[in-house]
């Protein structure tokens, strides 16, 4: 019922930056949390960063200090600013949304975008 559309992925050299965007539409509740998951081939889907409707944030340890999540509630859009990218960041990145608090498990998120590929070359 909530549609999520990601953009901003691509190929970047190690040390570079990307900014991912996720625009939400449809039946959006006021207390939605939004987040970004990554999934590399052969690995489980992992929460990278998330933000609540009130601005509380979560970051995976390996991206702390490099990535910043933000949201524009007026535009129903969440962003992931990715700096100092490394080859280990290469993955498909998915936007997700759920009502209420941030959860680590992907099974507890109800809406998903189609994904955007991030590839970091060395």
Protein backbone atom coordinates (compact mmCIF):
# COMPACT_ATOMS: atom_id res chain seq x y z
CA UNK A 1 0.00 0.00 0.00
CA UNK A 2 3.01 2.26 0.53
CA UNK A 3 5.11 2.55 -2.59
CA UNK A 4 8.83 3.25 -2.28
CA UNK A 5 11.04 4.30 -5.17
CA UNK A 6 14.81 4.51 -4.75
CA UNK A 7 17.27 6.45 -6.83
CA UNK A 8 20.88 7.56 -6.69
CA UNK A 9 22.83 4.34 -6.92
CA UNK A 10 25.65 3.79 -9.33
CA UNK A 11 29.31 3.05 -9.80
CA UNK A 12 31.79 5.06 -7.76
CA UNK A 13 35.47 4.85 -6.98
CA UNK A 14 36.63 4.02 -3.46
CA UNK A 15 36.65 7.14 -1.35
CA UNK A 16 33.83 8.72 -3.30
CA UNK A 17 30.29 9.61 -2.34
CA UNK A 18 26.74 8.83 -3.35
CA UNK A 19 23.40 10.11 -2.14
CA UNK A 20 20.49 7.69 -2.24
CA UNK A 21 16.92 8.93 -2.21
CA UNK A 22 13.69 7.09 -1.47
CA UNK A 23 10.34 8.68 -2.21
CA UNK A 24 7.27 7.24 -0.50
CA UNK A 25 3.70 7.47 -1.68
CA UNK A 26 0.37 5.90 -0.85
CA UNK A 27 -1.08 5.23 2.58
CA UNK A 28 1.64 6.73 4.76
CA UNK A 29 1.06 6.97 8.49
CA UNK A 30 2.56 9.73 10.58
CA UNK A 31 4.68 7.41 12.75
CA UNK A 32 6.50 5.59 9.96
CA UNK A 33 10.12 4.68 10.36
CA UNK A 34 12.18 4.49 7.19
CA UNK A 35 15.45 2.77 6.57
CA UNK A 36 18.01 1.39 4.18
CA UNK A 37 19.03 -2.24 3.89
CA UNK A 38 21.89 -3.64 1.88
CA UNK A 39 22.23 -7.09 0.38
CA UNK A 40 25.29 -8.47 -1.36
CA UNK A 41 25.23 -11.77 -3.28
CA UNK A 42 25.33 -14.70 -0.90
CA UNK A 43 24.76 -12.55 2.17
CA UNK A 44 21.73 -11.78 4.26
CA UNK A 45 19.88 -8.53 4.00
CA UNK A 46 21.26 -6.16 6.62
CA UNK A 47 19.99 -2.90 8.06
CA UNK A 48 22.39 -0.09 7.19
CA UNK A 49 20.62 2.92 8.65
CA UNK A 50 17.15 3.90 9.77
CA UNK A 51 15.30 6.90 11.06
CA UNK A 52 12.07 7.29 12.99
CA UNK A 53 9.38 9.84 12.33
CA UNK A 54 10.83 11.84 15.23
CA UNK A 55 14.39 11.78 13.93
CA UNK A 56 15.98 9.04 16.04
CA UNK A 57 18.62 7.24 13.97
CA UNK A 58 20.30 3.86 13.80
CA UNK A 59 23.50 2.96 11.96
CA UNK A 60 25.30 -0.28 11.35
CA UNK A 61 28.68 -0.10 13.07
CA UNK A 62 30.69 -0.20 9.87
CA UNK A 63 29.03 2.89 8.42
CA UNK A 64 29.07 5.13 11.49
CA UNK A 65 30.84 8.37 10.69
CA UNK A 66 30.58 7.75 6.95
CA UNK A 67 26.85 7.54 6.21
CA UNK A 68 24.10 9.91 7.25
CA UNK A 69 20.39 9.19 7.05
CA UNK A 70 17.87 12.01 6.93
CA UNK A 71 14.26 12.51 6.01
CA UNK A 72 12.03 15.22 4.68
CA UNK A 73 8.59 14.50 6.06
CA UNK A 74 6.93 17.12 3.89
CA UNK A 75 8.18 15.27 0.82
CA UNK A 76 7.87 11.76 2.33
CA UNK A 77 11.44 11.19 1.28
CA UNK A 78 14.39 9.60 3.04
CA UNK A 79 18.02 10.07 2.03
CA UNK A 80 21.23 8.20 2.65
CA UNK A 81 24.37 10.26 2.20
CA UNK A 82 27.22 7.81 1.68
CA UNK A 83 30.74 9.18 2.05
CA UNK A 84 34.15 7.52 2.04
CA UNK A 85 32.75 4.56 0.17
CA UNK A 86 34.71 1.32 0.18
CA UNK A 87 34.43 -1.82 -1.96
CA UNK A 88 32.85 -3.57 1.03
CA UNK A 89 29.86 -1.24 0.64
CA UNK A 90 29.04 -2.78 -2.73
CA UNK A 91 25.51 -4.17 -2.56
CA UNK A 92 21.95 -3.69 -3.61
CA UNK A 93 20.40 -1.06 -1.37
CA UNK A 94 16.72 -1.25 -0.52
CA UNK A 95 14.53 1.38 1.02
CA UNK A 96 12.06 0.12 3.61
CA UNK A 97 9.26 1.52 5.74
CA UNK A 98 7.24 0.37 8.72
CA UNK A 99 4.90 1.83 11.27
CA UNK A 100 6.47 2.54 14.63
CA UNK A 101 9.98 1.95 15.90
CA UNK A 102 13.15 0.92 14.11
CA UNK A 103 13.64 -2.84 13.88
CA UNK A 104 16.74 -4.70 12.74
CA UNK A 105 14.96 -7.70 11.24
CA UNK A 106 13.87 -7.19 7.61
CA UNK A 107 10.80 -9.34 8.26
CA UNK A 108 9.40 -6.61 10.48
CA UNK A 109 9.36 -3.99 7.73
CA UNK A 110 6.20 -3.86 5.66
CA UNK A 111 7.07 -1.86 2.53
CA UNK A 112 10.05 -2.19 0.22
CA UNK A 113 11.45 -0.43 -2.76
CA UNK A 114 12.83 -2.12 -5.83
CA UNK A 115 16.44 -1.57 -4.85
CA UNK A 116 19.27 0.46 -6.30
CA UNK A 117 22.71 -0.96 -6.99
CA UNK A 118 25.78 0.59 -5.39
CA UNK A 119 29.12 -0.58 -6.74
CA UNK A 120 32.39 0.72 -5.33
CA UNK A 121 35.54 0.03 -7.31
CA UNK A 122 39.05 -0.06 -5.90
